[in-house]
Amino acid sequence: MLIDARNFWKLHSRWLVGTLIATALAAAVTAWAGMRGGRWPGGGSATGLLLGALAGVIFVFEVALVLKKTTRFRTVRWMLPAQTWMKAHIWLGLLTVPLVVLHSGGSFGGTLTTIFVIVFSIVIASGIWGLALQNLLPKLMVDAAPAETVYSQIDRVGRQYATEAQRLVLLACGGEEDLPMHEAALVTMEESPGIGALDPSHRGQEGHIRGAPRNVGIQIKRSPHPASDLPEAIPSPAIQAALVRDIRPFLETGERGMLGSRQRNQWYFDDLRLRVAPELRGLVDQLDELCERRRQLNVQRRMHFWLHNWLWLHLPLSIGLMVLLVGHVITALRFD
């Protein structure tokens, strides 16, 4: 649920106004009951029970979002649309804060109630934290990882990058073909970037990799071009050693070694360019771009972790809050 200055009022004005009105009404009713009874109404008073019951109903609705996100209920027409459900989840969740405060009468009560309030506070705080991350990180990812792909395909795309790096070095520097058998690197005709690294006349058009290989369109298996179309191979121990020792492992796994950060990548490939023949510097540029794309996939993976890790706290505690709510109701009915 994106919240920013451009769409906030359009998407959330009614919910914001409704939440403020409901809060004002709850406070007014509590104040009226307090003036009438001569003291702040506690949780066992008629006003406290009304506010507590309303907060409890909202708790049940909040937890029901878990069911809404399941495959069975996601597209059920009679239920609220997902966007409306999320807006209700956010604003009704915030509304429970004043309702719980007014219901408590300013007192934590016994041990169970104190635990309930602590868990409730953590659930609200983690929800606000998650909402902030959901609005901040996607915007940062656009700038930090423009080469992002489907999260579940990150490792597969990395292996394709490694296969492409191996192919480029094989065509430019010669040597025996040693491509991984488990990864068939299939790309469309228009997506093959390799020739730009080898033929200076093509670098203006084919000198940059335009995107991760995608299995769509007419598929061809990568294979060396006919010998008549290729320039003569230029052996380069520096490039071949760099490929085996640093570049290919980094592309396949994303694990940091000599490569990994933008600055280390720049230092590494600047040094490699100085140690190869001028004719092979276009190849180094290609390898540099492949590693930069892998670095961006690593950034995407880290951001994905932070984008979802708050749920590890928010969801279990929300379920625990429902258990505490049941215990709180039973205790209140038995002893009050």
C-alpha atoms as a PDB file:
ATOM      1  CA  MET A   1       0.000   0.000   0.000  1.00  0.00           C
ATOM      2  CA  LEU A   2       1.901   3.049  -1.282  1.00  0.00           C
ATOM      3  CA  ILE A   3       1.508   6.265   0.667  1.00  0.00           C
ATOM      4  CA  ASP A   4       3.075   9.472  -0.657  1.00  0.00           C
ATOM      5  CA  ALA A   5       2.215  13.114  -1.097  1.00  0.00           C
ATOM      6  CA  ARG A   6       0.790  12.578  -4.582  1.00  0.00           C
ATOM      7  CA  ASN A   7      -1.768   9.903  -3.779  1.00  0.00           C
ATOM      8  CA  PHE A   8      -2.288  10.160  -0.031  1.00  0.00           C
ATOM      9  CA  TRP A   9      -5.360  12.387  -0.006  1.00  0.00           C
ATOM     10  CA  LYS A  10      -6.927  10.642  -2.985  1.00  0.00           C
ATOM     11  CA  LEU A  11      -6.557   7.141  -1.526  1.00  0.00           C
ATOM     12  CA  HIS A  12      -6.740   7.750   2.212  1.00  0.00           C
ATOM     13  CA  SER A  13      -8.706  10.937   2.883  1.00  0.00           C
ATOM     14  CA  ARG A  14     -11.959   9.150   3.774  1.00  0.00           C
ATOM     15  CA  TRP A  15     -10.182   6.649   6.004  1.00  0.00           C
ATOM     16  CA  LEU A  16      -8.189   9.391   7.742  1.00  0.00           C
ATOM     17  CA  VAL A  17     -11.273  11.528   8.355  1.00  0.00           C
ATOM     18  CA  GLY A  18     -13.282   8.502   9.474  1.00  0.00           C
ATOM     19  CA  THR A  19     -10.543   7.444  11.920  1.00  0.00           C
ATOM     20  CA  LEU A  20     -10.315  10.947  13.383  1.00  0.00           C
ATOM     21  CA  ILE A  21     -14.092  11.183  13.749  1.00  0.00           C
ATOM     22  CA  ALA A  22     -14.289   7.751  15.413  1.00  0.00           C
ATOM     23  CA  THR A  23     -11.475   8.706  17.789  1.00  0.00           C
ATOM     24  CA  ALA A  24     -13.171  11.991  18.662  1.00  0.00           C
ATOM     25  CA  LEU A  25     -16.492  10.229  19.288  1.00  0.00           C
ATOM     26  CA  ALA A  26     -14.858   7.599  21.517  1.00  0.00           C
ATOM     27  CA  ALA A  27     -13.061  10.311  23.501  1.00  0.00           C
ATOM     28  CA  ALA A  28     -16.270  12.356  23.808  1.00  0.00           C
ATOM     29  CA  VAL A  29     -18.292   9.371  25.033  1.00  0.00           C
ATOM     30  CA  THR A  30     -15.582   8.511  27.568  1.00  0.00           C
ATOM     31  CA  ALA A  31     -15.379  12.115  28.779  1.00  0.00           C
ATOM     32  CA  TRP A  32     -19.163  12.323  29.098  1.00  0.00           C
ATOM     33  CA  ALA A  33     -19.265   9.060  31.052  1.00  0.00           C
ATOM     34  CA  GLY A  34     -16.440  10.287  33.278  1.00  0.00           C
ATOM     35  CA  MET A  35     -18.176  13.575  34.084  1.00  0.00           C
ATOM     36  CA  ARG A  36     -21.417  11.756  34.727  1.00  0.00           C
ATOM     37  CA  GLY A  37     -19.883   9.150  37.041  1.00  0.00           C
ATOM     38  CA  GLY A  38     -17.332  11.417  38.683  1.00  0.00           C
ATOM     39  CA  ARG A  39     -14.332   9.317  37.603  1.00  0.00           C
ATOM     40  CA  TRP A  40     -12.676   7.905  34.517  1.00  0.00           C
ATOM     41  CA  PRO A  41     -14.712   4.882  33.362  1.00  0.00           C
ATOM     42  CA  GLY A  42     -12.683   1.675  33.607  1.00  0.00           C
ATOM     43  CA  GLY A  43     -12.709  -1.377  31.400  1.00  0.00           C
ATOM     44  CA  GLY A  44     -15.590  -2.946  33.340  1.00  0.00           C
ATOM     45  CA  SER A  45     -17.912   0.036  32.866  1.00  0.00           C
ATOM     46  CA  ALA A  46     -20.514   0.179  30.129  1.00  0.00           C
ATOM     47  CA  THR A  47     -18.390   2.645  28.164  1.00  0.00           C
ATOM     48  CA  GLY A  48     -15.228   0.602  28.675  1.00  0.00           C
ATOM     49  CA  LEU A  49     -16.957  -2.605  27.597  1.00  0.00           C
ATOM     50  CA  LEU A  50     -18.347  -0.919  24.482  1.00  0.00           C
ATOM     51  CA  LEU A  51     -14.953   0.429  23.438  1.00  0.00           C
ATOM     52  CA  GLY A  52     -13.241  -2.854  24.301  1.00  0.00           C
ATOM     53  CA  ALA A  53     -15.756  -4.861  22.271  1.00  0.00           C
ATOM     54  CA  LEU A  54     -15.275  -2.544  19.296  1.00  0.00           C
ATOM     55  CA  ALA A  55     -11.491  -2.915  19.540  1.00  0.00           C
ATOM     56  CA  GLY A  56     -11.878  -6.712  19.786  1.00  0.00           C
ATOM     57  CA  VAL A  57     -13.979  -6.841  16.600  1.00  0.00           C
ATOM     58  CA  ILE A  58     -11.315  -4.804  14.824  1.00  0.00           C
ATOM     59  CA  PHE A  59      -8.617  -7.228  16.060  1.00  0.00           C
ATOM     60  CA  VAL A  60     -10.508 -10.111  14.475  1.00  0.00           C
ATOM     61  CA  PHE A  61     -10.810  -8.192  11.205  1.00  0.00           C
ATOM     62  CA  GLU A  62      -7.100  -7.353  11.252  1.00  0.00           C
ATOM     63  CA  VAL A  63      -6.071 -10.991  11.645  1.00  0.00           C
ATOM     64  CA  ALA A  64      -8.529 -11.997   8.915  1.00  0.00           C
ATOM     65  CA  LEU A  65      -6.157 -10.355   6.416  1.00  0.00           C
ATOM     66  CA  VAL A  66      -4.156 -13.585   6.576  1.00  0.00           C
ATOM     67  CA  LEU A  67      -7.134 -15.428   5.080  1.00  0.00           C
ATOM     68  CA  LYS A  68      -7.683 -12.723   2.481  1.00  0.00           C
ATOM     69  CA  LYS A  69      -4.159 -13.242   1.178  1.00  0.00           C
ATOM     70  CA  THR A  70      -4.609 -16.994   0.679  1.00  0.00           C
ATOM     71  CA  THR A  71      -5.298 -18.409  -2.775  1.00  0.00           C
ATOM     72  CA  ARG A  72      -8.785 -19.516  -1.752  1.00  0.00           C
ATOM     73  CA  PHE A  73     -10.044 -16.070  -0.732  1.00  0.00           C
ATOM     74  CA  ARG A  74      -7.813 -13.732  -2.743  1.00  0.00           C
ATOM     75  CA  THR A  75     -10.200 -13.437  -5.679  1.00  0.00           C
ATOM     76  CA  VAL A  76     -13.555 -13.983  -3.919  1.00  0.00           C
ATOM     77  CA  ARG A  77     -15.827 -11.321  -5.393  1.00  0.00           C
ATOM     78  CA  TRP A  78     -18.111 -10.738  -2.409  1.00  0.00           C
ATOM     79  CA  MET A  79     -15.139  -9.819  -0.201  1.00  0.00           C
ATOM     80  CA  LEU A  80     -13.533  -6.380  -0.243  1.00  0.00           C
ATOM     81  CA  PRO A  81     -10.954  -5.679  -2.983  1.00  0.00           C
ATOM     82  CA  ALA A  82      -7.367  -6.152  -1.835  1.00  0.00           C
ATOM     83  CA  GLN A  83      -6.584  -2.423  -1.902  1.00  0.00           C
ATOM     84  CA  THR A  84      -9.677  -1.542   0.149  1.00  0.00           C
ATOM     85  CA  TRP A  85      -8.866  -4.347   2.587  1.00  0.00           C
ATOM     86  CA  MET A  86      -5.343  -3.025   3.051  1.00  0.00           C
ATOM     87  CA  LYS A  87      -6.538   0.531   3.654  1.00  0.00           C
ATOM     88  CA  ALA A  88      -9.023  -0.766   6.206  1.00  0.00           C
ATOM     89  CA  HIS A  89      -6.272  -2.865   7.807  1.00  0.00           C
ATOM     90  CA  ILE A  90      -4.029   0.185   8.218  1.00  0.00           C
ATOM     91  CA  TRP A  91      -6.543   2.714   9.487  1.00  0.00           C
ATOM     92  CA  LEU A  92      -8.650   0.414  11.644  1.00  0.00           C
ATOM     93  CA  GLY A  93      -5.431  -0.920  13.165  1.00  0.00           C
ATOM     94  CA  LEU A  94      -4.445   2.637  14.097  1.00  0.00           C
ATOM     95  CA  LEU A  95      -7.949   3.253  15.462  1.00  0.00           C
ATOM     96  CA  THR A  96      -7.482   0.438  17.994  1.00  0.00           C
ATOM     97  CA  VAL A  97      -4.786   2.493  19.744  1.00  0.00           C
ATOM     98  CA  PRO A  98      -7.134   5.169  21.172  1.00  0.00           C
ATOM     99  CA  LEU A  99      -9.848   2.554  21.717  1.00  0.00           C
ATOM    100  CA  VAL A 100      -7.535   0.404  23.851  1.00  0.00           C
ATOM    101  CA  VAL A 101      -6.256   3.423  25.783  1.00  0.00           C
ATOM    102  CA  LEU A 102      -9.787   4.651  26.511  1.00  0.00           C
ATOM    103  CA  HIS A 103     -10.961   1.127  27.348  1.00  0.00           C
ATOM    104  CA  SER A 104      -8.177   0.616  29.879  1.00  0.00           C
ATOM    105  CA  GLY A 105      -9.132   3.700  31.851  1.00  0.00           C
ATOM    106  CA  GLY A 106      -5.467   4.639  32.078  1.00  0.00           C
ATOM    107  CA  SER A 107      -4.522   1.481  34.011  1.00  0.00           C
ATOM    108  CA  PHE A 108      -2.622  -1.636  32.898  1.00  0.00           C
ATOM    109  CA  GLY A 109      -4.426  -3.900  35.359  1.00  0.00           C
ATOM    110  CA  GLY A 110      -3.016  -7.329  36.175  1.00  0.00           C
ATOM    111  CA  THR A 111      -0.219  -9.373  34.630  1.00  0.00           C
ATOM    112  CA  LEU A 112      -2.280 -10.696  31.709  1.00  0.00           C
ATOM    113  CA  THR A 113      -3.481  -7.216  30.788  1.00  0.00           C
ATOM    114  CA  THR A 114       0.060  -5.846  31.014  1.00  0.00           C
ATOM    115  CA  ILE A 115       1.359  -8.569  28.690  1.00  0.00           C
ATOM    116  CA  PHE A 116      -1.544  -7.862  26.347  1.00  0.00           C
ATOM    117  CA  VAL A 117      -0.681  -4.156  26.194  1.00  0.00           C
ATOM    118  CA  ILE A 118       3.016  -4.867  25.585  1.00  0.00           C
ATOM    119  CA  VAL A 119       2.280  -7.305  22.749  1.00  0.00           C
ATOM    120  CA  PHE A 120      -0.308  -4.916  21.310  1.00  0.00           C
ATOM    121  CA  SER A 121       2.248  -2.086  21.314  1.00  0.00           C
ATOM    122  CA  ILE A 122       4.825  -4.248  19.517  1.00  0.00           C
ATOM    123  CA  VAL A 123       2.258  -5.318  16.907  1.00  0.00           C
ATOM    124  CA  ILE A 124       1.302  -1.700  16.182  1.00  0.00           C
ATOM    125  CA  ALA A 125       4.945  -0.561  16.085  1.00  0.00           C
ATOM    126  CA  SER A 126       5.988  -3.414  13.775  1.00  0.00           C
ATOM    127  CA  GLY A 127       3.036  -2.672  11.503  1.00  0.00           C
ATOM    128  CA  ILE A 128       4.030   0.987  11.213  1.00  0.00           C
ATOM    129  CA  TRP A 129       7.641  -0.081  10.589  1.00  0.00           C
ATOM    130  CA  GLY A 130       6.520  -2.477   7.865  1.00  0.00           C
ATOM    131  CA  LEU A 131       4.357   0.187   6.240  1.00  0.00           C
ATOM    132  CA  ALA A 132       7.328   2.555   6.170  1.00  0.00           C
ATOM    133  CA  LEU A 133       9.543  -0.116   4.574  1.00  0.00           C
ATOM    134  CA  GLN A 134       6.869  -0.999   2.011  1.00  0.00           C
ATOM    135  CA  ASN A 135       6.809   2.625   0.903  1.00  0.00           C
ATOM    136  CA  LEU A 136      10.532   3.396   1.095  1.00  0.00           C
ATOM    137  CA  LEU A 137      12.380   0.334  -0.221  1.00  0.00           C
ATOM    138  CA  PRO A 138      10.615  -0.100  -3.603  1.00  0.00           C
ATOM    139  CA  LYS A 139      11.520   3.494  -4.460  1.00  0.00           C
ATOM    140  CA  LEU A 140      15.133   2.927  -3.454  1.00  0.00           C
ATOM    141  CA  MET A 141      15.251  -0.315  -5.453  1.00  0.00           C
ATOM    142  CA  VAL A 142      14.384   1.515  -8.677  1.00  0.00           C
ATOM    143  CA  ASP A 143      17.618   3.502  -8.361  1.00  0.00           C
ATOM    144  CA  ALA A 144      19.823   0.924  -6.633  1.00  0.00           C
ATOM    145  CA  ALA A 145      18.880  -2.165  -8.676  1.00  0.00           C
ATOM    146  CA  PRO A 146      17.508  -1.272 -12.131  1.00  0.00           C
ATOM    147  CA  ALA A 147      18.529  -4.778 -13.298  1.00  0.00           C
ATOM    148  CA  GLU A 148      16.161  -6.434 -10.812  1.00  0.00           C
ATOM    149  CA  THR A 149      14.391  -9.618 -11.825  1.00  0.00           C
ATOM    150  CA  VAL A 150      11.814 -11.945 -10.308  1.00  0.00           C
ATOM    151  CA  TYR A 151      13.110 -12.668  -6.801  1.00  0.00           C
ATOM    152  CA  SER A 152      12.825 -16.452  -7.103  1.00  0.00           C
ATOM    153  CA  GLN A 153      14.868 -16.351 -10.330  1.00  0.00           C
ATOM    154  CA  ILE A 154      17.881 -14.438  -8.967  1.00  0.00           C
ATOM    155  CA  ASP A 155      20.155 -17.488  -8.689  1.00  0.00           C
ATOM    156  CA  ARG A 156      19.090 -18.791 -12.094  1.00  0.00           C
ATOM    157  CA  VAL A 157      19.766 -15.427 -13.737  1.00  0.00           C
ATOM    158  CA  GLY A 158      23.152 -15.333 -11.994  1.00  0.00           C
ATOM    159  CA  ARG A 159      24.043 -18.723 -13.485  1.00  0.00           C
ATOM    160  CA  GLN A 160      23.020 -17.446 -16.897  1.00  0.00           C
ATOM    161  CA  TYR A 161      25.319 -14.464 -16.404  1.00  0.00           C
ATOM    162  CA  ALA A 162      28.153 -16.882 -15.532  1.00  0.00           C
ATOM    163  CA  THR A 163      27.442 -18.922 -18.658  1.00  0.00           C
ATOM    164  CA  GLU A 164      27.472 -15.768 -20.778  1.00  0.00           C
ATOM    165  CA  ALA A 165      30.760 -14.616 -19.259  1.00  0.00           C
ATOM    166  CA  GLN A 166      32.293 -18.020 -20.033  1.00  0.00           C
ATOM    167  CA  ARG A 167      31.036 -17.821 -23.619  1.00  0.00           C
ATOM    168  CA  LEU A 168      32.409 -14.321 -24.164  1.00  0.00           C
ATOM    169  CA  VAL A 169      35.849 -15.303 -22.889  1.00  0.00           C
ATOM    170  CA  LEU A 170      35.797 -18.477 -24.983  1.00  0.00           C
ATOM    171  CA  LEU A 171      35.048 -16.516 -28.173  1.00  0.00           C
ATOM    172  CA  ALA A 172      37.549 -13.752 -27.507  1.00  0.00           C
ATOM    173  CA  CYS A 173      40.427 -15.641 -25.938  1.00  0.00           C
ATOM    174  CA  GLY A 174      39.990 -19.201 -27.168  1.00  0.00           C
ATOM    175  CA  GLY A 175      40.492 -22.248 -24.999  1.00  0.00           C
ATOM    176  CA  GLU A 176      38.415 -25.321 -24.341  1.00  0.00           C
ATOM    177  CA  GLU A 177      34.675 -24.914 -23.823  1.00  0.00           C
ATOM    178  CA  ASP A 178      33.724 -25.513 -20.203  1.00  0.00           C
ATOM    179  CA  LEU A 179      30.109 -24.446 -19.862  1.00  0.00           C
ATOM    180  CA  PRO A 180      28.026 -25.783 -16.961  1.00  0.00           C
ATOM    181  CA  MET A 181      25.840 -28.605 -18.243  1.00  0.00           C
ATOM    182  CA  HIS A 182      22.963 -27.891 -15.850  1.00  0.00           C
ATOM    183  CA  GLU A 183      22.214 -24.436 -17.198  1.00  0.00           C
ATOM    184  CA  ALA A 184      20.959 -24.203 -20.775  1.00  0.00           C
ATOM    185  CA  ALA A 185      21.354 -20.510 -21.513  1.00  0.00           C
ATOM    186  CA  LEU A 186      18.516 -19.813 -23.887  1.00  0.00           C
ATOM    187  CA  VAL A 187      17.939 -16.283 -25.142  1.00  0.00           C
ATOM    188  CA  THR A 188      16.062 -14.552 -27.885  1.00  0.00           C
ATOM    189  CA  MET A 189      17.794 -13.609 -31.115  1.00  0.00           C
ATOM    190  CA  GLU A 190      17.705  -9.921 -30.153  1.00  0.00           C
ATOM    191  CA  GLU A 191      19.211 -10.397 -26.684  1.00  0.00           C
ATOM    192  CA  SER A 192      22.600 -11.883 -27.548  1.00  0.00           C
ATOM    193  CA  PRO A 193      25.197  -9.242 -26.566  1.00  0.00           C
ATOM    194  CA  GLY A 194      28.398 -11.105 -27.214  1.00  0.00           C
ATOM    195  CA  ILE A 195      29.657  -9.884 -30.574  1.00  0.00           C
ATOM    196  CA  GLY A 196      30.114  -6.303 -29.365  1.00  0.00           C
ATOM    197  CA  ALA A 197      32.947  -7.386 -27.089  1.00  0.00           C
ATOM    198  CA  LEU A 198      34.839  -8.910 -29.987  1.00  0.00           C
ATOM    199  CA  ASP A 199      34.286  -6.725 -33.041  1.00  0.00           C
ATOM    200  CA  PRO A 200      34.908  -2.958 -32.635  1.00  0.00           C
ATOM    201  CA  SER A 201      32.563  -2.209 -35.534  1.00  0.00           C
ATOM    202  CA  HIS A 202      29.646  -3.610 -33.538  1.00  0.00           C
ATOM    203  CA  ARG A 203      30.371  -1.999 -30.176  1.00  0.00           C
ATOM    204  CA  GLY A 204      28.172   1.001 -30.789  1.00  0.00           C
ATOM    205  CA  GLN A 205      25.140  -1.215 -31.299  1.00  0.00           C
ATOM    206  CA  GLU A 206      25.892  -4.355 -29.306  1.00  0.00           C
ATOM    207  CA  GLY A 207      28.344  -3.105 -26.696  1.00  0.00           C
ATOM    208  CA  HIS A 208      25.944  -3.233 -23.787  1.00  0.00           C
ATOM    209  CA  ILE A 209      23.895  -6.016 -22.286  1.00  0.00           C
ATOM    210  CA  ARG A 210      20.298  -4.860 -22.382  1.00  0.00           C
ATOM    211  CA  GLY A 211      18.748  -7.177 -19.847  1.00  0.00           C
ATOM    212  CA  ALA A 212      18.653 -10.569 -18.242  1.00  0.00           C
ATOM    213  CA  PRO A 213      18.018 -13.430 -20.700  1.00  0.00           C
ATOM    214  CA  ARG A 214      14.332 -14.286 -20.777  1.00  0.00           C
ATOM    215  CA  ASN A 215      12.816 -17.497 -22.083  1.00  0.00           C
ATOM    216  CA  VAL A 216      10.304 -15.856 -24.408  1.00  0.00           C
ATOM    217  CA  GLY A 217       9.978 -15.523 -28.141  1.00  0.00           C
ATOM    218  CA  ILE A 218      11.982 -17.577 -30.608  1.00  0.00           C
ATOM    219  CA  GLN A 219      14.557 -19.547 -28.626  1.00  0.00           C
ATOM    220  CA  ILE A 220      18.033 -20.468 -29.753  1.00  0.00           C
ATOM    221  CA  LYS A 221      20.746 -22.218 -27.812  1.00  0.00           C
ATOM    222  CA  ARG A 222      23.871 -20.131 -27.431  1.00  0.00           C
ATOM    223  CA  SER A 223      26.738 -21.406 -29.525  1.00  0.00           C
ATOM    224  CA  PRO A 224      29.892 -19.881 -30.945  1.00  0.00           C
ATOM    225  CA  HIS A 225      29.450 -17.988 -34.192  1.00  0.00           C
ATOM    226  CA  PRO A 226      30.917 -19.542 -37.329  1.00  0.00           C
ATOM    227  CA  ALA A 227      34.666 -19.139 -37.394  1.00  0.00           C
ATOM    228  CA  SER A 228      34.463 -16.957 -40.501  1.00  0.00           C
ATOM    229  CA  ASP A 229      32.438 -14.366 -38.559  1.00  0.00           C
ATOM    230  CA  LEU A 230      34.836 -14.137 -35.616  1.00  0.00           C
ATOM    231  CA  PRO A 231      38.064 -12.205 -35.201  1.00  0.00           C
ATOM    232  CA  GLU A 232      41.124 -14.212 -34.338  1.00  0.00           C
ATOM    233  CA  ALA A 233      41.186 -15.280 -30.704  1.00  0.00           C
ATOM    234  CA  ILE A 234      43.667 -13.414 -28.490  1.00  0.00           C
ATOM    235  CA  PRO A 235      44.832 -15.571 -25.566  1.00  0.00           C
ATOM    236  CA  SER A 236      44.791 -13.704 -22.270  1.00  0.00           C
ATOM    237  CA  PRO A 237      45.891 -15.549 -19.121  1.00  0.00           C
ATOM    238  CA  ALA A 238      44.815 -12.533 -17.020  1.00  0.00           C
ATOM    239  CA  ILE A 239      41.205 -12.650 -18.204  1.00  0.00           C
ATOM    240  CA  GLN A 240      40.983 -16.434 -18.082  1.00  0.00           C
ATOM    241  CA  ALA A 241      42.402 -16.520 -14.555  1.00  0.00           C
ATOM    242  CA  ALA A 242      40.078 -13.718 -13.433  1.00  0.00           C
ATOM    243  CA  LEU A 243      37.107 -15.590 -14.892  1.00  0.00           C
ATOM    244  CA  VAL A 244      37.880 -18.830 -13.062  1.00  0.00           C
ATOM    245  CA  ARG A 245      39.034 -17.320  -9.772  1.00  0.00           C
ATOM    246  CA  ASP A 246      36.695 -14.347  -9.246  1.00  0.00           C
ATOM    247  CA  ILE A 247      34.190 -13.479 -11.963  1.00  0.00           C
ATOM    248  CA  ARG A 248      32.412 -16.770 -12.584  1.00  0.00           C
ATOM    249  CA  PRO A 249      32.056 -17.698  -8.869  1.00  0.00           C
ATOM    250  CA  PHE A 250      30.660 -14.242  -8.130  1.00  0.00           C
ATOM    251  CA  LEU A 251      28.155 -14.411 -10.987  1.00  0.00           C
ATOM    252  CA  GLU A 252      26.986 -17.906 -10.021  1.00  0.00           C
ATOM    253  CA  THR A 253      26.586 -17.420  -6.280  1.00  0.00           C
ATOM    254  CA  GLY A 254      26.705 -13.681  -5.595  1.00  0.00           C
ATOM    255  CA  GLU A 255      29.111 -14.335  -2.728  1.00  0.00           C
ATOM    256  CA  ARG A 256      31.565 -11.542  -2.133  1.00  0.00           C
ATOM    257  CA  GLY A 257      35.249 -12.008  -2.684  1.00  0.00           C
ATOM    258  CA  MET A 258      37.309  -9.628  -4.730  1.00  0.00           C
ATOM    259  CA  LEU A 259      33.990  -8.453  -6.191  1.00  0.00           C
ATOM    260  CA  GLY A 260      30.702  -7.456  -4.625  1.00  0.00           C
ATOM    261  CA  SER A 261      30.519  -3.730  -4.006  1.00  0.00           C
ATOM    262  CA  ARG A 262      30.402  -1.063  -6.687  1.00  0.00           C
ATOM    263  CA  GLN A 263      33.757   0.358  -5.613  1.00  0.00           C
ATOM    264  CA  ARG A 264      35.512  -3.039  -5.525  1.00  0.00           C
ATOM    265  CA  ASN A 265      34.106  -3.909  -8.932  1.00  0.00           C
ATOM    266  CA  GLN A 266      35.443  -0.655 -10.346  1.00  0.00           C
ATOM    267  CA  TRP A 267      38.918  -1.184  -8.871  1.00  0.00           C
ATOM    268  CA  TYR A 268      39.005  -4.799 -10.029  1.00  0.00           C
ATOM    269  CA  PHE A 269      38.091  -4.150 -13.646  1.00  0.00           C
ATOM    270  CA  ASP A 270      40.165  -0.968 -13.939  1.00  0.00           C
ATOM    271  CA  ASP A 271      43.163  -3.072 -12.941  1.00  0.00           C
ATOM    272  CA  LEU A 272      42.168  -5.862 -15.337  1.00  0.00           C
ATOM    273  CA  ARG A 273      41.905  -3.431 -18.274  1.00  0.00           C
ATOM    274  CA  LEU A 274      45.494  -2.365 -17.693  1.00  0.00           C
ATOM    275  CA  ARG A 275      46.691  -5.983 -17.850  1.00  0.00           C
ATOM    276  CA  VAL A 276      45.090  -7.030 -21.132  1.00  0.00           C
ATOM    277  CA  ALA A 277      45.607  -6.185 -24.783  1.00  0.00           C
ATOM    278  CA  PRO A 278      43.713  -3.101 -26.013  1.00  0.00           C
ATOM    279  CA  GLU A 279      41.650  -5.338 -28.300  1.00  0.00           C
ATOM    280  CA  LEU A 280      40.216  -7.147 -25.255  1.00  0.00           C
ATOM    281  CA  ARG A 281      39.128  -4.103 -23.262  1.00  0.00           C
ATOM    282  CA  GLY A 282      35.674  -4.316 -24.803  1.00  0.00           C
ATOM    283  CA  LEU A 283      35.438  -7.841 -23.403  1.00  0.00           C
ATOM    284  CA  VAL A 284      36.436  -6.544 -19.977  1.00  0.00           C
ATOM    285  CA  ASP A 285      33.662  -3.961 -20.248  1.00  0.00           C
ATOM    286  CA  GLN A 286      31.184  -6.770 -20.932  1.00  0.00           C
ATOM    287  CA  LEU A 287      32.393  -8.749 -17.910  1.00  0.00           C
ATOM    288  CA  ASP A 288      32.252  -5.599 -15.809  1.00  0.00           C
ATOM    289  CA  GLU A 289      28.621  -5.031 -16.807  1.00  0.00           C
ATOM    290  CA  LEU A 290      27.674  -8.623 -16.030  1.00  0.00           C
ATOM    291  CA  CYS A 291      29.190  -8.289 -12.544  1.00  0.00           C
ATOM    292  CA  GLU A 292      27.436  -4.971 -12.030  1.00  0.00           C
ATOM    293  CA  ARG A 293      24.134  -6.629 -12.864  1.00  0.00           C
ATOM    294  CA  ARG A 294      24.899  -9.440 -10.407  1.00  0.00           C
ATOM    295  CA  ARG A 295      25.728  -6.857  -7.759  1.00  0.00           C
ATOM    296  CA  GLN A 296      22.324  -5.252  -8.350  1.00  0.00           C
ATOM    297  CA  LEU A 297      20.634  -8.625  -7.911  1.00  0.00           C
ATOM    298  CA  ASN A 298      22.418  -8.918  -4.561  1.00  0.00           C
ATOM    299  CA  VAL A 299      21.057  -5.487  -3.610  1.00  0.00           C
ATOM    300  CA  GLN A 300      17.589  -6.657  -4.621  1.00  0.00           C
ATOM    301  CA  ARG A 301      17.954  -9.739  -2.422  1.00  0.00           C
ATOM    302  CA  ARG A 302      18.961  -7.676   0.610  1.00  0.00           C
ATOM    303  CA  MET A 303      16.111  -5.224   0.088  1.00  0.00           C
ATOM    304  CA  HIS A 304      13.679  -8.097  -0.316  1.00  0.00           C
ATOM    305  CA  PHE A 305      14.808  -9.408   3.065  1.00  0.00           C
ATOM    306  CA  TRP A 306      14.137  -6.068   4.778  1.00  0.00           C
ATOM    307  CA  LEU A 307      10.900  -5.657   2.857  1.00  0.00           C
ATOM    308  CA  HIS A 308       9.454  -8.813   4.411  1.00  0.00           C
ATOM    309  CA  ASN A 309      11.369  -9.587   7.612  1.00  0.00           C
ATOM    310  CA  TRP A 310       9.087  -7.405   9.764  1.00  0.00           C
ATOM    311  CA  LEU A 311       6.318  -9.933   9.110  1.00  0.00           C
ATOM    312  CA  TRP A 312       8.288 -12.516  11.105  1.00  0.00           C
ATOM    313  CA  LEU A 313       7.496 -10.409  14.180  1.00  0.00           C
ATOM    314  CA  HIS A 314       4.195  -8.827  13.185  1.00  0.00           C
ATOM    315  CA  LEU A 315       2.282 -11.932  12.111  1.00  0.00           C
ATOM    316  CA  PRO A 316       3.109 -14.324  15.014  1.00  0.00           C
ATOM    317  CA  LEU A 317       2.521 -11.598  17.592  1.00  0.00           C
ATOM    318  CA  SER A 318      -0.801 -10.713  15.951  1.00  0.00           C
ATOM    319  CA  ILE A 319      -1.918 -14.312  16.373  1.00  0.00           C
ATOM    320  CA  GLY A 320      -0.571 -14.289  19.935  1.00  0.00           C
ATOM    321  CA  LEU A 321      -2.515 -11.091  20.548  1.00  0.00           C
ATOM    322  CA  MET A 322      -5.736 -12.887  19.629  1.00  0.00           C
ATOM    323  CA  VAL A 323      -4.937 -15.614  22.162  1.00  0.00           C
ATOM    324  CA  LEU A 324      -4.288 -12.971  24.824  1.00  0.00           C
ATOM    325  CA  LEU A 325      -7.514 -11.217  23.851  1.00  0.00           C
ATOM    326  CA  VAL A 326      -9.504 -14.394  24.478  1.00  0.00           C
ATOM    327  CA  GLY A 327      -7.760 -14.820  27.840  1.00  0.00           C
ATOM    328  CA  HIS A 328      -8.407 -11.171  28.690  1.00  0.00           C
ATOM    329  CA  VAL A 329     -12.128 -11.490  27.905  1.00  0.00           C
ATOM    330  CA  ILE A 330     -12.503 -14.704  29.925  1.00  0.00           C
ATOM    331  CA  THR A 331     -10.650 -13.190  32.891  1.00  0.00           C
ATOM    332  CA  ALA A 332     -12.711 -10.002  32.751  1.00  0.00           C
ATOM    333  CA  LEU A 333     -16.015 -11.881  32.621  1.00  0.00           C
ATOM    334  CA  ARG A 334     -15.035 -14.221  35.447  1.00  0.00           C
ATOM    335  CA  PHE A 335     -13.627 -11.729  37.938  1.00  0.00           C
ATOM    336  CA  ASP A 336     -15.257  -8.402  37.017  1.00  0.00           C
END
